[in-house]
Amino acid sequence: MAEIDIEKAKRSQMRWLILETLNAARPIGASDRTILTAIQGIIADATLLEIRREMDYLEDRGLIKIEGREIQPNWHAELTHHGVDVAEYTVECRPGIARPKKWW
C-alpha cells in the first residue's frame, strides 16, 4: 500500500483553494489575509506563511500575480488569464494543484 504524503496533499489543496478564492474575488482580487480566512474554513491549521508560500508557487507558474510584496504588510493577488482558465476547467491542470476532477 502506498503511503500518503499528508503535507504534500495539504500544499496541493491549498493551491487549489487559493485559485478558487481568487476566482470568486474577480475582478478585484484579494489580500493574503482574506485568502487565509477563506482557507481556514477548510484547512483550520493553515498559516499565513503557508498561504504566502503557495501564492509564491502559483505566481511562479503564471497563475496569479502578487502586488505589495515589498512595500506593504499585506500581499494582494489576482488571477492571471491562465489562472482563470485553470479555475474554470478550460485548460489542463498540471500536477501540484489538487483540482478536483470535472464532474459536469
PDB file of N, CA and C in Angstrom:
ATOM      1  N   MET A   1       0.835  -1.172   0.000  1.00  0.00           N
ATOM      2  CA  MET A   1       0.000   0.000   0.000  1.00  0.00           C
ATOM      3  C   MET A   1       0.890   1.250   0.000  1.00  0.00           C
ATOM      4  N   ALA A   2       0.565   2.208  -0.843  1.00  0.00           N
ATOM      5  CA  ALA A   2       1.351   3.435  -0.951  1.00  0.00           C
ATOM      6  C   ALA A   2       1.051   4.361   0.225  1.00  0.00           C
ATOM      7  N   GLU A   3       2.103   5.013   0.707  1.00  0.00           N
ATOM      8  CA  GLU A   3       1.947   5.961   1.793  1.00  0.00           C
ATOM      9  C   GLU A   3       1.503   7.301   1.230  1.00  0.00           C
ATOM     10  N   ILE A   4       0.629   7.981   1.933  1.00  0.00           N
ATOM     11  CA  ILE A   4       0.163   9.298   1.507  1.00  0.00           C
ATOM     12  C   ILE A   4       1.013  10.351   2.206  1.00  0.00           C
ATOM     13  N   ASP A   5       1.547  11.265   1.435  1.00  0.00           N
ATOM     14  CA  ASP A   5       2.312  12.382   1.984  1.00  0.00           C
ATOM     15  C   ASP A   5       1.309  13.481   2.340  1.00  0.00           C
ATOM     16  N   ILE A   6       0.961  13.567   3.617  1.00  0.00           N
ATOM     17  CA  ILE A   6      -0.072  14.491   4.084  1.00  0.00           C
ATOM     18  C   ILE A   6       0.308  15.948   3.795  1.00  0.00           C
ATOM     19  N   GLU A   7       1.557  16.312   4.029  1.00  0.00           N
ATOM     20  CA  GLU A   7       1.981  17.699   3.807  1.00  0.00           C
ATOM     21  C   GLU A   7       1.908  18.072   2.328  1.00  0.00           C
ATOM     22  N   LYS A   8       2.289  17.144   1.462  1.00  0.00           N
ATOM     23  CA  LYS A   8       2.211  17.400   0.023  1.00  0.00           C
ATOM     24  C   LYS A   8       0.757  17.572  -0.409  1.00  0.00           C
ATOM     25  N   ALA A   9      -0.114  16.724   0.118  1.00  0.00           N
ATOM     26  CA  ALA A   9      -1.537  16.820  -0.205  1.00  0.00           C
ATOM     27  C   ALA A   9      -2.114  18.144   0.300  1.00  0.00           C
ATOM     28  N   LYS A  10      -1.679  18.574   1.475  1.00  0.00           N
ATOM     29  CA  LYS A  10      -2.154  19.846   2.039  1.00  0.00           C
ATOM     30  C   LYS A  10      -1.715  21.012   1.161  1.00  0.00           C
ATOM     31  N   ARG A  11      -0.461  21.012   0.715  1.00  0.00           N
ATOM     32  CA  ARG A  11       0.032  22.086  -0.154  1.00  0.00           C
ATOM     33  C   ARG A  11      -0.758  22.141  -1.460  1.00  0.00           C
ATOM     34  N   SER A  12      -0.986  20.976  -2.051  1.00  0.00           N
ATOM     35  CA  SER A  12      -1.734  20.911  -3.310  1.00  0.00           C
ATOM     36  C   SER A  12      -3.157  21.431  -3.140  1.00  0.00           C
ATOM     37  N   GLN A  13      -3.786  21.046  -2.036  1.00  0.00           N
ATOM     38  CA  GLN A  13      -5.148  21.510  -1.792  1.00  0.00           C
ATOM     39  C   GLN A  13      -5.175  23.015  -1.542  1.00  0.00           C
ATOM     40  N   MET A  14      -4.192  23.524  -0.803  1.00  0.00           N
ATOM     41  CA  MET A  14      -4.126  24.969  -0.562  1.00  0.00           C
ATOM     42  C   MET A  14      -4.010  25.731  -1.877  1.00  0.00           C
ATOM     43  N   ARG A  15      -3.204  25.225  -2.796  1.00  0.00           N
ATOM     44  CA  ARG A  15      -3.035  25.900  -4.087  1.00  0.00           C
ATOM     45  C   ARG A  15      -4.364  25.994  -4.824  1.00  0.00           C
ATOM     46  N   TRP A  16      -5.117  24.892  -4.813  1.00  0.00           N
ATOM     47  CA  TRP A  16      -6.423  24.906  -5.475  1.00  0.00           C
ATOM     48  C   TRP A  16      -7.357  25.876  -4.772  1.00  0.00           C
ATOM     49  N   LEU A  17      -7.363  25.876  -3.452  1.00  0.00           N
ATOM     50  CA  LEU A  17      -8.246  26.767  -2.709  1.00  0.00           C
ATOM     51  C   LEU A  17      -7.889  28.235  -2.926  1.00  0.00           C
ATOM     52  N   ILE A  18      -6.611  28.534  -3.070  1.00  0.00           N
ATOM     53  CA  ILE A  18      -6.192  29.907  -3.387  1.00  0.00           C
ATOM     54  C   ILE A  18      -6.756  30.310  -4.749  1.00  0.00           C
ATOM     55  N   LEU A  19      -6.637  29.431  -5.730  1.00  0.00           N
ATOM     56  CA  LEU A  19      -7.183  29.737  -7.063  1.00  0.00           C
ATOM     57  C   LEU A  19      -8.696  29.926  -6.997  1.00  0.00           C
ATOM     58  N   GLU A  20      -9.387  29.088  -6.261  1.00  0.00           N
ATOM     59  CA  GLU A  20     -10.838  29.197  -6.129  1.00  0.00           C
ATOM     60  C   GLU A  20     -11.238  30.508  -5.438  1.00  0.00           C
ATOM     61  N   THR A  21     -10.499  30.862  -4.397  1.00  0.00           N
ATOM     62  CA  THR A  21     -10.784  32.105  -3.679  1.00  0.00           C
ATOM     63  C   THR A  21     -10.585  33.306  -4.586  1.00  0.00           C
ATOM     64  N   LEU A  22      -9.476  33.310  -5.316  1.00  0.00           N
ATOM     65  CA  LEU A  22      -9.214  34.432  -6.213  1.00  0.00           C
ATOM     66  C   LEU A  22     -10.192  34.464  -7.387  1.00  0.00           C
ATOM     67  N   ASN A  23     -10.665  33.316  -7.820  1.00  0.00           N
ATOM     68  CA  ASN A  23     -11.668  33.280  -8.875  1.00  0.00           C
ATOM     69  C   ASN A  23     -12.973  33.905  -8.375  1.00  0.00           C
ATOM     70  N   ALA A  24     -13.334  33.603  -7.130  1.00  0.00           N
ATOM     71  CA  ALA A  24     -14.548  34.187  -6.546  1.00  0.00           C
ATOM     72  C   ALA A  24     -14.389  35.687  -6.319  1.00  0.00           C
ATOM     73  N   ALA A  25     -13.153  36.144  -6.122  1.00  0.00           N
ATOM     74  CA  ALA A  25     -12.884  37.556  -5.836  1.00  0.00           C
ATOM     75  C   ALA A  25     -12.660  38.395  -7.092  1.00  0.00           C
ATOM     76  N   ARG A  26     -12.791  37.788  -8.270  1.00  0.00           N
ATOM     77  CA  ARG A  26     -12.574  38.533  -9.503  1.00  0.00           C
ATOM     78  C   ARG A  26     -13.634  39.601  -9.681  1.00  0.00           C
ATOM     79  N   PRO A  27     -13.326  40.743 -10.217  1.00  0.00           N
ATOM     80  CA  PRO A  27     -12.069  41.160 -10.817  1.00  0.00           C
ATOM     81  C   PRO A  27     -11.148  41.896  -9.843  1.00  0.00           C
ATOM     82  N   ILE A  28     -11.540  42.021  -8.594  1.00  0.00           N
ATOM     83  CA  ILE A  28     -10.788  42.823  -7.629  1.00  0.00           C
ATOM     84  C   ILE A  28      -9.564  42.103  -7.086  1.00  0.00           C
ATOM     85  N   GLY A  29      -9.667  40.793  -6.880  1.00  0.00           N
ATOM     86  CA  GLY A  29      -8.597  40.050  -6.232  1.00  0.00           C
ATOM     87  C   GLY A  29      -8.814  40.046  -4.731  1.00  0.00           C
ATOM     88  N   ALA A  30      -7.811  39.599  -3.985  1.00  0.00           N
ATOM     89  CA  ALA A  30      -7.953  39.502  -2.534  1.00  0.00           C
ATOM     90  C   ALA A  30      -6.592  39.605  -1.859  1.00  0.00           C
ATOM     91  N   SER A  31      -6.621  40.012  -0.602  1.00  0.00           N
ATOM     92  CA  SER A  31      -5.390  40.070   0.182  1.00  0.00           C
ATOM     93  C   SER A  31      -5.040  38.677   0.692  1.00  0.00           C
ATOM     94  N   ASP A  32      -3.793  38.524   1.083  1.00  0.00           N
ATOM     95  CA  ASP A  32      -3.354  37.234   1.618  1.00  0.00           C
ATOM     96  C   ASP A  32      -4.132  36.869   2.880  1.00  0.00           C
ATOM     97  N   ARG A  33      -4.498  37.841   3.671  1.00  0.00           N
ATOM     98  CA  ARG A  33      -5.245  37.571   4.907  1.00  0.00           C
ATOM     99  C   ARG A  33      -6.693  37.159   4.615  1.00  0.00           C
ATOM    100  N   THR A  34      -7.273  37.721   3.585  1.00  0.00           N
ATOM    101  CA  THR A  34      -8.618  37.306   3.171  1.00  0.00           C
ATOM    102  C   THR A  34      -8.575  35.868   2.660  1.00  0.00           C
ATOM    103  N   ILE A  35      -7.551  35.555   1.879  1.00  0.00           N
ATOM    104  CA  ILE A  35      -7.376  34.187   1.372  1.00  0.00           C
ATOM    105  C   ILE A  35      -7.188  33.224   2.537  1.00  0.00           C
ATOM    106  N   LEU A  36      -6.377  33.614   3.519  1.00  0.00           N
ATOM    107  CA  LEU A  36      -6.152  32.773   4.692  1.00  0.00           C
ATOM    108  C   LEU A  36      -7.463  32.496   5.421  1.00  0.00           C
ATOM    109  N   THR A  37      -8.257  33.524   5.630  1.00  0.00           N
ATOM    110  CA  THR A  37      -9.542  33.353   6.310  1.00  0.00           C
ATOM    111  C   THR A  37     -10.438  32.370   5.557  1.00  0.00           C
ATOM    112  N   ALA A  38     -10.483  32.494   4.240  1.00  0.00           N
ATOM    113  CA  ALA A  38     -11.301  31.586   3.430  1.00  0.00           C
ATOM    114  C   ALA A  38     -10.800  30.150   3.546  1.00  0.00           C
ATOM    115  N   ILE A  39      -9.504  29.964   3.499  1.00  0.00           N
ATOM    116  CA  ILE A  39      -8.927  28.618   3.527  1.00  0.00           C
ATOM    117  C   ILE A  39      -9.040  27.982   4.901  1.00  0.00           C
ATOM    118  N   GLN A  40      -8.949  28.790   5.960  1.00  0.00           N
ATOM    119  CA  GLN A  40      -9.056  28.232   7.307  1.00  0.00           C
ATOM    120  C   GLN A  40     -10.426  27.630   7.572  1.00  0.00           C
ATOM    121  N   GLY A  41     -11.408  27.975   6.768  1.00  0.00           N
ATOM    122  CA  GLY A  41     -12.710  27.319   6.873  1.00  0.00           C
ATOM    123  C   GLY A  41     -12.646  25.861   6.447  1.00  0.00           C
ATOM    124  N   ILE A  42     -11.638  25.500   5.679  1.00  0.00           N
ATOM    125  CA  ILE A  42     -11.469  24.128   5.191  1.00  0.00           C
ATOM    126  C   ILE A  42     -10.247  23.471   5.817  1.00  0.00           C
ATOM    127  N   ILE A  43      -9.141  24.214   5.874  1.00  0.00           N
ATOM    128  CA  ILE A  43      -7.904  23.711   6.486  1.00  0.00           C
ATOM    129  C   ILE A  43      -7.650  24.586   7.712  1.00  0.00           C
ATOM    130  N   ALA A  44      -8.181  24.171   8.845  1.00  0.00           N
ATOM    131  CA  ALA A  44      -8.192  25.005  10.053  1.00  0.00           C
ATOM    132  C   ALA A  44      -6.804  25.420  10.527  1.00  0.00           C
ATOM    133  N   ASP A  45      -5.791  24.590  10.295  1.00  0.00           N
ATOM    134  CA  ASP A  45      -4.458  24.907  10.808  1.00  0.00           C
ATOM    135  C   ASP A  45      -3.576  25.637   9.795  1.00  0.00           C
ATOM    136  N   ALA A  46      -4.155  26.130   8.706  1.00  0.00           N
ATOM    137  CA  ALA A  46      -3.383  26.876   7.703  1.00  0.00           C
ATOM    138  C   ALA A  46      -2.827  28.151   8.327  1.00  0.00           C
ATOM    139  N   THR A  47      -1.599  28.497   7.941  1.00  0.00           N
ATOM    140  CA  THR A  47      -0.960  29.711   8.460  1.00  0.00           C
ATOM    141  C   THR A  47      -0.720  30.702   7.323  1.00  0.00           C
ATOM    142  N   LEU A  48      -0.478  31.946   7.692  1.00  0.00           N
ATOM    143  CA  LEU A  48      -0.199  32.973   6.693  1.00  0.00           C
ATOM    144  C   LEU A  48       1.081  32.642   5.926  1.00  0.00           C
ATOM    145  N   LEU A  49       2.089  32.123   6.613  1.00  0.00           N
ATOM    146  CA  LEU A  49       3.330  31.748   5.942  1.00  0.00           C
ATOM    147  C   LEU A  49       3.077  30.667   4.882  1.00  0.00           C
ATOM    148  N   GLU A  50       2.265  29.669   5.216  1.00  0.00           N
ATOM    149  CA  GLU A  50       1.947  28.615   4.239  1.00  0.00           C
ATOM    150  C   GLU A  50       1.204  29.192   3.038  1.00  0.00           C
ATOM    151  N   ILE A  51       0.249  30.065   3.294  1.00  0.00           N
ATOM    152  CA  ILE A  51      -0.520  30.679   2.209  1.00  0.00           C
ATOM    153  C   ILE A  51       0.413  31.466   1.298  1.00  0.00           C
ATOM    154  N   ARG A  52       1.302  32.246   1.886  1.00  0.00           N
ATOM    155  CA  ARG A  52       2.237  33.037   1.076  1.00  0.00           C
ATOM    156  C   ARG A  52       3.178  32.148   0.276  1.00  0.00           C
ATOM    157  N   ARG A  53       3.612  31.053   0.867  1.00  0.00           N
ATOM    158  CA  ARG A  53       4.485  30.111   0.155  1.00  0.00           C
ATOM    159  C   ARG A  53       3.779  29.563  -1.084  1.00  0.00           C
ATOM    160  N   GLU A  54       2.521  29.176  -0.914  1.00  0.00           N
ATOM    161  CA  GLU A  54       1.767  28.612  -2.035  1.00  0.00           C
ATOM    162  C   GLU A  54       1.377  29.690  -3.043  1.00  0.00           C
ATOM    163  N   MET A  55       1.133  30.905  -2.575  1.00  0.00           N
ATOM    164  CA  MET A  55       0.883  32.007  -3.504  1.00  0.00           C
ATOM    165  C   MET A  55       2.120  32.254  -4.365  1.00  0.00           C
ATOM    166  N   ASP A  56       3.289  32.206  -3.758  1.00  0.00           N
ATOM    167  CA  ASP A  56       4.544  32.384  -4.486  1.00  0.00           C
ATOM    168  C   ASP A  56       4.702  31.293  -5.549  1.00  0.00           C
ATOM    169  N   TYR A  57       4.374  30.052  -5.191  1.00  0.00           N
ATOM    170  CA  TYR A  57       4.418  28.930  -6.133  1.00  0.00           C
ATOM    171  C   TYR A  57       3.491  29.201  -7.324  1.00  0.00           C
ATOM    172  N   LEU A  58       2.268  29.629  -7.026  1.00  0.00           N
ATOM    173  CA  LEU A  58       1.297  29.887  -8.091  1.00  0.00           C
ATOM    174  C   LEU A  58       1.721  31.056  -8.971  1.00  0.00           C
ATOM    175  N   GLU A  59       2.380  32.042  -8.390  1.00  0.00           N
ATOM    176  CA  GLU A  59       2.893  33.148  -9.199  1.00  0.00           C
ATOM    177  C   GLU A  59       4.007  32.658 -10.122  1.00  0.00           C
ATOM    178  N   ASP A  60       4.894  31.807  -9.615  1.00  0.00           N
ATOM    179  CA  ASP A  60       5.958  31.240 -10.449  1.00  0.00           C
ATOM    180  C   ASP A  60       5.386  30.451 -11.622  1.00  0.00           C
ATOM    181  N   ARG A  61       4.236  29.837 -11.438  1.00  0.00           N
ATOM    182  CA  ARG A  61       3.589  29.081 -12.515  1.00  0.00           C
ATOM    183  C   ARG A  61       2.761  29.967 -13.435  1.00  0.00           C
ATOM    184  N   GLY A  62       2.712  31.253 -13.160  1.00  0.00           N
ATOM    185  CA  GLY A  62       1.991  32.181 -14.031  1.00  0.00           C
ATOM    186  C   GLY A  62       0.488  32.175 -13.840  1.00  0.00           C
ATOM    187  N   LEU A  63       0.006  31.669 -12.696  1.00  0.00           N
ATOM    188  CA  LEU A  63      -1.429  31.579 -12.464  1.00  0.00           C
ATOM    189  C   LEU A  63      -1.996  32.759 -11.691  1.00  0.00           C
ATOM    190  N   ILE A  64      -1.150  33.406 -10.893  1.00  0.00           N
ATOM    191  CA  ILE A  64      -1.581  34.595 -10.165  1.00  0.00           C
ATOM    192  C   ILE A  64      -0.490  35.664 -10.268  1.00  0.00           C
ATOM    193  N   LYS A  65      -0.889  36.898  -9.978  1.00  0.00           N
ATOM    194  CA  LYS A  65       0.104  37.970  -9.838  1.00  0.00           C
ATOM    195  C   LYS A  65      -0.078  38.561  -8.450  1.00  0.00           C
ATOM    196  N   ILE A  66       1.052  38.851  -7.809  1.00  0.00           N
ATOM    197  CA  ILE A  66       1.056  39.370  -6.443  1.00  0.00           C
ATOM    198  C   ILE A  66       1.592  40.790  -6.454  1.00  0.00           C
ATOM    199  N   GLU A  67       0.927  41.669  -5.730  1.00  0.00           N
ATOM    200  CA  GLU A  67       1.378  43.045  -5.574  1.00  0.00           C
ATOM    201  C   GLU A  67       1.577  43.340  -4.097  1.00  0.00           C
ATOM    202  N   GLY A  68       2.454  44.309  -3.800  1.00  0.00           N
ATOM    203  CA  GLY A  68       2.654  44.749  -2.433  1.00  0.00           C
ATOM    204  C   GLY A  68       3.605  43.904  -1.620  1.00  0.00           C
ATOM    205  N   ARG A  69       4.250  42.972  -2.253  1.00  0.00           N
ATOM    206  CA  ARG A  69       5.147  42.057  -1.534  1.00  0.00           C
ATOM    207  C   ARG A  69       6.252  42.802  -0.798  1.00  0.00           C
ATOM    208  N   GLU A  70       6.832  43.818  -1.422  1.00  0.00           N
ATOM    209  CA  GLU A  70       7.975  44.507  -0.829  1.00  0.00           C
ATOM    210  C   GLU A  70       7.594  45.729   0.002  1.00  0.00           C
ATOM    211  N   ILE A  71       6.442  46.328  -0.281  1.00  0.00           N
ATOM    212  CA  ILE A  71       6.147  47.616   0.343  1.00  0.00           C
ATOM    213  C   ILE A  71       5.005  47.595   1.354  1.00  0.00           C
ATOM    214  N   GLN A  72       4.241  46.547   1.408  1.00  0.00           N
ATOM    215  CA  GLN A  72       3.092  46.518   2.302  1.00  0.00           C
ATOM    216  C   GLN A  72       3.150  45.270   3.190  1.00  0.00           C
ATOM    217  N   PRO A  73       2.527  45.366   4.357  1.00  0.00           N
ATOM    218  CA  PRO A  73       2.491  44.169   5.210  1.00  0.00           C
ATOM    219  C   PRO A  73       1.568  43.085   4.642  1.00  0.00           C
ATOM    220  N   ASN A  74       0.615  43.481   3.818  1.00  0.00           N
ATOM    221  CA  ASN A  74      -0.299  42.521   3.201  1.00  0.00           C
ATOM    222  C   ASN A  74      -0.006  42.388   1.718  1.00  0.00           C
ATOM    223  N   TRP A  75      -0.083  41.165   1.231  1.00  0.00           N
ATOM    224  CA  TRP A  75       0.028  40.930  -0.210  1.00  0.00           C
ATOM    225  C   TRP A  75      -1.372  41.012  -0.808  1.00  0.00           C
ATOM    226  N   HIS A  76      -1.438  41.398  -2.056  1.00  0.00           N
ATOM    227  CA  HIS A  76      -2.699  41.403  -2.790  1.00  0.00           C
ATOM    228  C   HIS A  76      -2.487  40.589  -4.059  1.00  0.00           C
ATOM    229  N   ALA A  77      -3.408  39.691  -4.344  1.00  0.00           N
ATOM    230  CA  ALA A  77      -3.245  38.816  -5.508  1.00  0.00           C
ATOM    231  C   ALA A  77      -4.487  38.817  -6.387  1.00  0.00           C
ATOM    232  N   GLU A  78      -4.234  38.561  -7.660  1.00  0.00           N
ATOM    233  CA  GLU A  78      -5.292  38.404  -8.656  1.00  0.00           C
ATOM    234  C   GLU A  78      -4.910  37.253  -9.563  1.00  0.00           C
ATOM    235  N   LEU A  79      -5.914  36.623 -10.160  1.00  0.00           N
ATOM    236  CA  LEU A  79      -5.646  35.573 -11.139  1.00  0.00           C
ATOM    237  C   LEU A  79      -5.143  36.190 -12.440  1.00  0.00           C
ATOM    238  N   THR A  80      -4.253  35.489 -13.116  1.00  0.00           N
ATOM    239  CA  THR A  80      -3.883  35.850 -14.478  1.00  0.00           C
ATOM    240  C   THR A  80      -4.911  35.207 -15.405  1.00  0.00           C
ATOM    241  N   HIS A  81      -4.814  35.478 -16.693  1.00  0.00           N
ATOM    242  CA  HIS A  81      -5.761  34.849 -17.621  1.00  0.00           C
ATOM    243  C   HIS A  81      -5.606  33.319 -17.590  1.00  0.00           C
ATOM    244  N   HIS A  82      -4.377  32.845 -17.420  1.00  0.00           N
ATOM    245  CA  HIS A  82      -4.166  31.396 -17.344  1.00  0.00           C
ATOM    246  C   HIS A  82      -4.738  30.834 -16.040  1.00  0.00           C
ATOM    247  N   GLY A  83      -4.629  31.587 -14.954  1.00  0.00           N
ATOM    248  CA  GLY A  83      -5.209  31.170 -13.679  1.00  0.00           C
ATOM    249  C   GLY A  83      -6.720  31.039 -13.768  1.00  0.00           C
ATOM    250  N   VAL A  84      -7.354  31.956 -14.490  1.00  0.00           N
ATOM    251  CA  VAL A  84      -8.803  31.885 -14.699  1.00  0.00           C
ATOM    252  C   VAL A  84      -9.137  30.603 -15.476  1.00  0.00           C
ATOM    253  N   ASP A  85      -8.362  30.320 -16.518  1.00  0.00           N
ATOM    254  CA  ASP A  85      -8.607  29.120 -17.318  1.00  0.00           C
ATOM    255  C   ASP A  85      -8.481  27.842 -16.485  1.00  0.00           C
ATOM    256  N   VAL A  86      -7.495  27.788 -15.597  1.00  0.00           N
ATOM    257  CA  VAL A  86      -7.343  26.611 -14.730  1.00  0.00           C
ATOM    258  C   VAL A  86      -8.531  26.518 -13.780  1.00  0.00           C
ATOM    259  N   ALA A  87      -8.908  27.630 -13.161  1.00  0.00           N
ATOM    260  CA  ALA A  87     -10.028  27.635 -12.210  1.00  0.00           C
ATOM    261  C   ALA A  87     -11.350  27.269 -12.881  1.00  0.00           C
ATOM    262  N   GLU A  88     -11.487  27.627 -14.160  1.00  0.00           N
ATOM    263  CA  GLU A  88     -12.736  27.356 -14.880  1.00  0.00           C
ATOM    264  C   GLU A  88     -12.694  26.066 -15.695  1.00  0.00           C
ATOM    265  N   TYR A  89     -11.644  25.273 -15.523  1.00  0.00           N
ATOM    266  CA  TYR A  89     -11.517  23.969 -16.176  1.00  0.00           C
ATOM    267  C   TYR A  89     -11.467  24.052 -17.706  1.00  0.00           C
ATOM    268  N   THR A  90     -10.955  25.143 -18.246  1.00  0.00           N
ATOM    269  CA  THR A  90     -10.878  25.241 -19.699  1.00  0.00           C
ATOM    270  C   THR A  90      -9.525  24.795 -20.245  1.00  0.00           C
ATOM    271  N   VAL A  91      -8.542  24.592 -19.359  1.00  0.00           N
ATOM    272  CA  VAL A  91      -7.237  24.071 -19.751  1.00  0.00           C
ATOM    273  C   VAL A  91      -6.846  22.958 -18.784  1.00  0.00           C
ATOM    274  N   GLU A  92      -5.863  22.171 -19.189  1.00  0.00           N
ATOM    275  CA  GLU A  92      -5.349  21.121 -18.315  1.00  0.00           C
ATOM    276  C   GLU A  92      -4.685  21.743 -17.088  1.00  0.00           C
ATOM    277  N   CYS A  93      -4.723  21.014 -16.007  1.00  0.00           N
ATOM    278  CA  CYS A  93      -4.078  21.448 -14.775  1.00  0.00           C
ATOM    279  C   CYS A  93      -2.897  20.526 -14.518  1.00  0.00           C
ATOM    280  N   ARG A  94      -1.697  21.087 -14.553  1.00  0.00           N
ATOM    281  CA  ARG A  94      -0.501  20.280 -14.324  1.00  0.00           C
ATOM    282  C   ARG A  94      -0.440  19.827 -12.876  1.00  0.00           C
ATOM    283  N   PRO A  95       0.330  18.767 -12.598  1.00  0.00           N
ATOM    284  CA  PRO A  95       0.463  18.283 -11.220  1.00  0.00           C
ATOM    285  C   PRO A  95       0.945  19.379 -10.277  1.00  0.00           C
ATOM    286  N   GLY A  96       0.581  19.241  -9.008  1.00  0.00           N
ATOM    287  CA  GLY A  96       0.976  20.207  -7.989  1.00  0.00           C
ATOM    288  C   GLY A  96      -0.200  21.006  -7.463  1.00  0.00           C
ATOM    289  N   ILE A  97      -1.327  20.906  -8.160  1.00  0.00           N
ATOM    290  CA  ILE A  97      -2.548  21.592  -7.733  1.00  0.00           C
ATOM    291  C   ILE A  97      -3.648  20.538  -7.665  1.00  0.00           C
ATOM    292  N   ALA A  98      -4.295  20.448  -6.518  1.00  0.00           N
ATOM    293  CA  ALA A  98      -5.309  19.417  -6.298  1.00  0.00           C
ATOM    294  C   ALA A  98      -6.666  19.846  -6.826  1.00  0.00           C
ATOM    295  N   ARG A  99      -6.734  20.090  -8.122  1.00  0.00           N
ATOM    296  CA  ARG A  99      -8.012  20.456  -8.734  1.00  0.00           C
ATOM    297  C   ARG A  99      -8.875  19.206  -8.832  1.00  0.00           C
ATOM    298  N   PRO A 100     -10.086  19.261  -8.282  1.00  0.00           N
ATOM    299  CA  PRO A 100     -10.962  18.089  -8.380  1.00  0.00           C
ATOM    300  C   PRO A 100     -11.301  17.764  -9.831  1.00  0.00           C
ATOM    301  N   LYS A 101     -11.593  16.528 -10.091  1.00  0.00           N
ATOM    302  CA  LYS A 101     -11.997  16.130 -11.443  1.00  0.00           C
ATOM    303  C   LYS A 101     -13.319  16.801 -11.787  1.00  0.00           C
ATOM    304  N   LYS A 102     -13.422  17.192 -13.033  1.00  0.00           N
ATOM    305  CA  LYS A 102     -14.657  17.808 -13.516  1.00  0.00           C
ATOM    306  C   LYS A 102     -15.752  16.759 -13.529  1.00  0.00           C
ATOM    307  N   TRP A 103     -16.871  17.046 -12.927  1.00  0.00           N
ATOM    308  CA  TRP A 103     -17.953  16.070 -12.833  1.00  0.00           C
ATOM    309  C   TRP A 103     -19.153  16.432 -13.697  1.00  0.00           C
ATOM    310  N   TRP A 104     -19.160  17.601 -14.278  1.00  0.00           N
ATOM    311  CA  TRP A 104     -20.289  18.006 -15.099  1.00  0.00           C
ATOM    312  C   TRP A 104     -19.975  17.946 -16.551  1.00  0.00           C
TER     313      TRP A 104
END
